[in-house]
C-alpha atoms as a PDB file:
ATOM      1  CA  UNK A   1      12.861 -36.586 -15.336  1.00  0.00           C
ATOM      2  CA  UNK A   2      10.002 -34.945 -13.450  1.00  0.00           C
ATOM      3  CA  UNK A   3       8.552 -31.586 -14.359  1.00  0.00           C
ATOM      4  CA  UNK A   4       7.899 -28.955 -11.732  1.00  0.00           C
ATOM      5  CA  UNK A   5       4.224 -28.078 -11.448  1.00  0.00           C
ATOM      6  CA  UNK A   6       3.074 -24.594 -10.484  1.00  0.00           C
ATOM      7  CA  UNK A   7       0.275 -24.642  -7.946  1.00  0.00           C
ATOM      8  CA  UNK A   8      -3.176 -24.041  -9.381  1.00  0.00           C
ATOM      9  CA  UNK A   9      -4.158 -21.576  -6.672  1.00  0.00           C
ATOM     10  CA  UNK A  10      -3.092 -19.791  -3.510  1.00  0.00           C
ATOM     11  CA  UNK A  11      -5.689 -19.833  -0.746  1.00  0.00           C
ATOM     12  CA  UNK A  12      -5.131 -16.960   1.686  1.00  0.00           C
ATOM     13  CA  UNK A  13      -6.823 -17.196   5.060  1.00  0.00           C
ATOM     14  CA  UNK A  14      -7.571 -14.571   7.658  1.00  0.00           C
ATOM     15  CA  UNK A  15      -5.242 -14.530  10.646  1.00  0.00           C
ATOM     16  CA  UNK A  16      -6.684 -12.198  13.304  1.00  0.00           C
ATOM     17  CA  UNK A  17      -3.748 -12.622  15.717  1.00  0.00           C
ATOM     18  CA  UNK A  18      -1.469  -9.831  14.322  1.00  0.00           C
ATOM     19  CA  UNK A  19      -4.299  -7.274  14.257  1.00  0.00           C
ATOM     20  CA  UNK A  20      -5.422  -8.189  17.764  1.00  0.00           C
ATOM     21  CA  UNK A  21      -1.810  -8.050  18.976  1.00  0.00           C
ATOM     22  CA  UNK A  22      -1.408  -4.526  17.575  1.00  0.00           C
ATOM     23  CA  UNK A  23      -4.641  -3.440  19.285  1.00  0.00           C
ATOM     24  CA  UNK A  24      -3.508  -4.977  22.589  1.00  0.00           C
ATOM     25  CA  UNK A  25      -0.159  -3.202  22.305  1.00  0.00           C
ATOM     26  CA  UNK A  26      -1.955   0.093  21.693  1.00  0.00           C
ATOM     27  CA  UNK A  27      -4.094  -0.488  24.797  1.00  0.00           C
ATOM     28  CA  UNK A  28      -0.998  -1.123  26.908  1.00  0.00           C
ATOM     29  CA  UNK A  29       0.552   2.044  25.478  1.00  0.00           C
ATOM     30  CA  UNK A  30      -2.597   3.982  26.385  1.00  0.00           C
ATOM     31  CA  UNK A  31      -2.540   2.667  29.950  1.00  0.00           C
ATOM     32  CA  UNK A  32       1.151   3.597  30.302  1.00  0.00           C
ATOM     33  CA  UNK A  33       0.446   7.099  28.938  1.00  0.00           C
ATOM     34  CA  UNK A  34      -2.377   7.600  31.434  1.00  0.00           C
ATOM     35  CA  UNK A  35      -0.222   6.353  34.334  1.00  0.00           C
ATOM     36  CA  UNK A  36       2.730   8.525  33.280  1.00  0.00           C
ATOM     37  CA  UNK A  37       0.500  11.570  32.836  1.00  0.00           C
ATOM     38  CA  UNK A  38      -1.067  11.147  36.259  1.00  0.00           C
ATOM     39  CA  UNK A  39       2.254  10.452  37.951  1.00  0.00           C
ATOM     40  CA  UNK A  40       4.096  13.376  36.366  1.00  0.00           C
ATOM     41  CA  UNK A  41       1.212  15.755  37.064  1.00  0.00           C
ATOM     42  CA  UNK A  42       1.096  14.586  40.688  1.00  0.00           C
ATOM     43  CA  UNK A  43       4.860  15.062  41.130  1.00  0.00           C
ATOM     44  CA  UNK A  44       4.783  18.587  39.673  1.00  0.00           C
ATOM     45  CA  UNK A  45       1.733  19.446  41.795  1.00  0.00           C
ATOM     46  CA  UNK A  46       3.371  18.198  45.020  1.00  0.00           C
ATOM     47  CA  UNK A  47       6.566  20.131  44.269  1.00  0.00           C
ATOM     48  CA  UNK A  48       4.523  23.234  43.478  1.00  0.00           C
ATOM     49  CA  UNK A  49       2.613  22.939  46.752  1.00  0.00           C
ATOM     50  CA  UNK A  50       5.818  22.448  48.748  1.00  0.00           C
ATOM     51  CA  UNK A  51       7.890  25.153  47.024  1.00  0.00           C
ATOM     52  CA  UNK A  52       5.106  27.498  45.955  1.00  0.00           C
ATOM     53  CA  UNK A  53       6.954  28.818  42.915  1.00  0.00           C
ATOM     54  CA  UNK A  54       4.769  30.343  40.191  1.00  0.00           C
ATOM     55  CA  UNK A  55       7.017  28.942  37.452  1.00  0.00           C
ATOM     56  CA  UNK A  56       6.003  25.473  38.602  1.00  0.00           C
ATOM     57  CA  UNK A  57       2.399  26.357  37.856  1.00  0.00           C
ATOM     58  CA  UNK A  58       3.356  26.927  34.222  1.00  0.00           C
ATOM     59  CA  UNK A  59       5.271  23.629  34.264  1.00  0.00           C
ATOM     60  CA  UNK A  60       2.240  21.891  35.722  1.00  0.00           C
ATOM     61  CA  UNK A  61       0.037  23.308  32.977  1.00  0.00           C
ATOM     62  CA  UNK A  62       2.477  22.228  30.262  1.00  0.00           C
ATOM     63  CA  UNK A  63       2.818  18.723  31.702  1.00  0.00           C
ATOM     64  CA  UNK A  64      -0.961  18.462  31.882  1.00  0.00           C
ATOM     65  CA  UNK A  65      -1.440  19.625  28.290  1.00  0.00           C
ATOM     66  CA  UNK A  66       1.209  17.213  26.985  1.00  0.00           C
ATOM     67  CA  UNK A  67      -0.257  14.341  29.014  1.00  0.00           C
ATOM     68  CA  UNK A  68      -3.804  15.003  27.820  1.00  0.00           C
ATOM     69  CA  UNK A  69      -2.682  15.297  24.180  1.00  0.00           C
ATOM     70  CA  UNK A  70      -0.680  12.063  24.439  1.00  0.00           C
ATOM     71  CA  UNK A  71      -3.605  10.233  26.013  1.00  0.00           C
ATOM     72  CA  UNK A  72      -6.037  11.534  23.393  1.00  0.00           C
ATOM     73  CA  UNK A  73      -3.790  10.485  20.491  1.00  0.00           C
ATOM     74  CA  UNK A  74      -3.144   7.061  21.964  1.00  0.00           C
ATOM     75  CA  UNK A  75      -6.864   6.581  22.601  1.00  0.00           C
ATOM     76  CA  UNK A  76      -7.630   7.460  18.969  1.00  0.00           C
ATOM     77  CA  UNK A  77      -4.883   5.075  17.832  1.00  0.00           C
ATOM     78  CA  UNK A  78      -6.256   2.269  20.024  1.00  0.00           C
ATOM     79  CA  UNK A  79      -9.867   2.792  18.857  1.00  0.00           C
ATOM     80  CA  UNK A  80      -8.813   2.655  15.196  1.00  0.00           C
ATOM     81  CA  UNK A  81      -6.636  -0.440  15.702  1.00  0.00           C
ATOM     82  CA  UNK A  82      -9.427  -2.157  17.624  1.00  0.00           C
ATOM     83  CA  UNK A  83     -11.877  -1.402  14.801  1.00  0.00           C
ATOM     84  CA  UNK A  84      -9.383  -2.804  12.269  1.00  0.00           C
ATOM     85  CA  UNK A  85      -8.924  -5.934  14.390  1.00  0.00           C
ATOM     86  CA  UNK A  86     -12.684  -6.442  14.536  1.00  0.00           C
ATOM     87  CA  UNK A  87     -12.807  -6.119  10.736  1.00  0.00           C
ATOM     88  CA  UNK A  88     -10.570  -9.153  10.271  1.00  0.00           C
ATOM     89  CA  UNK A  89     -12.735 -12.125   9.427  1.00  0.00           C
ATOM     90  CA  UNK A  90     -12.358 -15.802  10.132  1.00  0.00           C
ATOM     91  CA  UNK A  91     -11.548 -18.508   7.618  1.00  0.00           C
ATOM     92  CA  UNK A  92     -10.748 -17.996   3.946  1.00  0.00           C
ATOM     93  CA  UNK A  93     -10.070 -14.391   2.834  1.00  0.00           C
ATOM     94  CA  UNK A  94      -9.415 -14.875  -0.869  1.00  0.00           C
ATOM     95  CA  UNK A  95      -8.116 -17.295  -3.454  1.00  0.00           C
ATOM     96  CA  UNK A  96      -5.680 -16.267  -6.182  1.00  0.00           C
ATOM     97  CA  UNK A  97      -5.628 -18.499  -9.243  1.00  0.00           C
ATOM     98  CA  UNK A  98      -5.020 -18.352 -12.979  1.00  0.00           C
ATOM     99  CA  UNK A  99      -8.727 -17.560 -13.396  1.00  0.00           C
ATOM    100  CA  UNK A 100      -8.606 -14.503 -11.124  1.00  0.00           C
ATOM    101  CA  UNK A 101      -9.415 -13.557  -7.560  1.00  0.00           C
ATOM    102  CA  UNK A 102     -12.153 -15.318  -5.630  1.00  0.00           C
ATOM    103  CA  UNK A 103     -13.658 -13.756  -2.529  1.00  0.00           C
ATOM    104  CA  UNK A 104     -16.839 -14.271  -0.575  1.00  0.00           C
ATOM    105  CA  UNK A 105     -18.422 -11.826  -3.054  1.00  0.00           C
ATOM    106  CA  UNK A 106     -17.550 -14.046  -6.010  1.00  0.00           C
ATOM    107  CA  UNK A 107     -14.954 -14.557  -8.732  1.00  0.00           C
ATOM    108  CA  UNK A 108     -13.243 -11.626 -10.497  1.00  0.00           C
ATOM    109  CA  UNK A 109     -11.221 -12.444 -13.626  1.00  0.00           C
ATOM    110  CA  UNK A 110      -7.767 -10.854 -13.983  1.00  0.00           C
ATOM    111  CA  UNK A 111      -8.950  -9.080 -17.123  1.00  0.00           C
ATOM    112  CA  UNK A 112     -11.432  -7.101 -14.998  1.00  0.00           C
ATOM    113  CA  UNK A 113      -8.860  -6.013 -12.411  1.00  0.00           C
ATOM    114  CA  UNK A 114      -7.124  -2.717 -13.172  1.00  0.00           C
ATOM    115  CA  UNK A 115      -4.903  -2.363 -10.123  1.00  0.00           C
ATOM    116  CA  UNK A 116      -3.777  -4.226  -7.022  1.00  0.00           C
ATOM    117  CA  UNK A 117      -2.340  -2.036  -4.272  1.00  0.00           C
ATOM    118  CA  UNK A 118      -1.737  -1.662  -0.583  1.00  0.00           C
ATOM    119  CA  UNK A 119      -3.705   1.349   0.685  1.00  0.00           C
ATOM    120  CA  UNK A 120      -4.668   3.101   3.884  1.00  0.00           C
ATOM    121  CA  UNK A 121      -1.494   2.933   5.922  1.00  0.00           C
ATOM    122  CA  UNK A 122      -1.629   5.606   8.613  1.00  0.00           C
ATOM    123  CA  UNK A 123      -1.792   6.308  12.320  1.00  0.00           C
ATOM    124  CA  UNK A 124      -3.813   3.522  13.837  1.00  0.00           C
ATOM    125  CA  UNK A 125      -4.932   2.338  10.420  1.00  0.00           C
ATOM    126  CA  UNK A 126      -3.621  -0.969   9.196  1.00  0.00           C
ATOM    127  CA  UNK A 127      -2.895  -1.212   5.489  1.00  0.00           C
ATOM    128  CA  UNK A 128      -5.405  -2.906   3.216  1.00  0.00           C
ATOM    129  CA  UNK A 129      -4.912  -5.048   0.120  1.00  0.00           C
ATOM    130  CA  UNK A 130      -7.175  -3.542  -2.520  1.00  0.00           C
ATOM    131  CA  UNK A 131      -8.241  -4.940  -5.890  1.00  0.00           C
ATOM    132  CA  UNK A 132      -9.614  -2.137  -8.092  1.00  0.00           C
ATOM    133  CA  UNK A 133     -11.777  -3.450 -10.861  1.00  0.00           C
ATOM    134  CA  UNK A 134     -13.617  -2.126 -13.867  1.00  0.00           C
ATOM    135  CA  UNK A 135     -16.153  -4.369 -15.522  1.00  0.00           C
ATOM    136  CA  UNK A 136     -16.275  -4.068 -19.324  1.00  0.00           C
ATOM    137  CA  UNK A 137     -18.905  -1.513 -20.337  1.00  0.00           C
ATOM    138  CA  UNK A 138     -19.503  -0.330 -16.763  1.00  0.00           C
ATOM    139  CA  UNK A 139     -18.047   2.378 -14.559  1.00  0.00           C
ATOM    140  CA  UNK A 140     -15.393   1.378 -12.066  1.00  0.00           C
ATOM    141  CA  UNK A 141     -16.993  -0.563  -9.254  1.00  0.00           C
ATOM    142  CA  UNK A 142     -16.222  -0.387  -5.581  1.00  0.00           C
ATOM    143  CA  UNK A 143     -12.813  -1.922  -4.933  1.00  0.00           C
ATOM    144  CA  UNK A 144     -12.507  -5.179  -3.071  1.00  0.00           C
ATOM    145  CA  UNK A 145     -10.220  -4.903  -0.112  1.00  0.00           C
ATOM    146  CA  UNK A 146      -9.098  -6.977   2.833  1.00  0.00           C
ATOM    147  CA  UNK A 147      -6.949  -5.955   5.820  1.00  0.00           C
ATOM    148  CA  UNK A 148      -3.339  -6.787   4.983  1.00  0.00           C
ATOM    149  CA  UNK A 149      -2.448  -7.342   8.638  1.00  0.00           C
ATOM    150  CA  UNK A 150      -5.277  -9.852   8.807  1.00  0.00           C
ATOM    151  CA  UNK A 151      -3.837 -12.207   6.192  1.00  0.00           C
ATOM    152  CA  UNK A 152      -1.743 -15.278   6.898  1.00  0.00           C
ATOM    153  CA  UNK A 153       0.837 -14.462   4.191  1.00  0.00           C
ATOM    154  CA  UNK A 154       3.253 -11.585   3.717  1.00  0.00           C
ATOM    155  CA  UNK A 155       2.767  -8.815   1.133  1.00  0.00           C
ATOM    156  CA  UNK A 156       5.686 -10.224  -0.870  1.00  0.00           C
ATOM    157  CA  UNK A 157       3.928 -13.581  -1.196  1.00  0.00           C
ATOM    158  CA  UNK A 158       0.744 -11.871  -2.393  1.00  0.00           C
ATOM    159  CA  UNK A 159       2.748  -9.785  -4.890  1.00  0.00           C
ATOM    160  CA  UNK A 160       4.516 -12.844  -6.286  1.00  0.00           C
ATOM    161  CA  UNK A 161       1.252 -14.753  -6.594  1.00  0.00           C
ATOM    162  CA  UNK A 162      -0.540 -11.841  -8.297  1.00  0.00           C
ATOM    163  CA  UNK A 163       2.326 -11.494 -10.793  1.00  0.00           C
ATOM    164  CA  UNK A 164       2.378 -15.209 -11.514  1.00  0.00           C
ATOM    165  CA  UNK A 165      -1.355 -15.807 -11.762  1.00  0.00           C
ATOM    166  CA  UNK A 166      -2.088 -12.643 -13.774  1.00  0.00           C
ATOM    167  CA  UNK A 167       0.548 -13.646 -16.299  1.00  0.00           C
ATOM    168  CA  UNK A 168       2.789 -10.717 -15.325  1.00  0.00           C
ATOM    169  CA  UNK A 169       0.110  -8.145 -16.180  1.00  0.00           C
ATOM    170  CA  UNK A 170      -0.380  -7.025 -12.576  1.00  0.00           C
ATOM    171  CA  UNK A 171       1.668  -6.681  -9.430  1.00  0.00           C
ATOM    172  CA  UNK A 172       0.880  -5.344  -5.978  1.00  0.00           C
ATOM    173  CA  UNK A 173       1.773  -1.662  -5.544  1.00  0.00           C
ATOM    174  CA  UNK A 174       3.533  -1.758  -2.166  1.00  0.00           C
ATOM    175  CA  UNK A 175       4.559   1.939  -1.982  1.00  0.00           C
ATOM    176  CA  UNK A 176       2.168   2.662   0.916  1.00  0.00           C
ATOM    177  CA  UNK A 177       4.158   0.282   3.101  1.00  0.00           C
ATOM    178  CA  UNK A 178       7.260   2.452   2.643  1.00  0.00           C
ATOM    179  CA  UNK A 179       5.577   5.663   3.845  1.00  0.00           C
END
């Protein structure tokens, strides 16, 4: 009879493709918004010039305001997604093991990690996986975080690994993904 062996570690790599895909989609959306805004403004302007009704002038102003607001919001969304995509590294992001979490900054034992959560989900902002730590005898240090959309595993896999490797003491707070 063979025993089942739990893996000693989970190596999580960066995968920049999802973040770049989201940024590309936002750029396409921006281009469509600009084209639609220009086209609808041109149509209303042509009709106004042909008919000469003053109510069309108000319609033209409203269409212009809505188009400009839509373009501005989509531009902000695209800029933020592009910045997030550029923040995704290459290669190994972190290693989860029984000893703790290893990043490029070094090893952090599970005993020094207070909380693991997904944070920062918002318009144009991809969520981040954040390890909040407090070293014994010191104030809470800056959290370690990596872009969640830049990892090659799902949040559920990270949560399961954190629970297993921390001995059930910690889990990933995924509430931000529901908002």
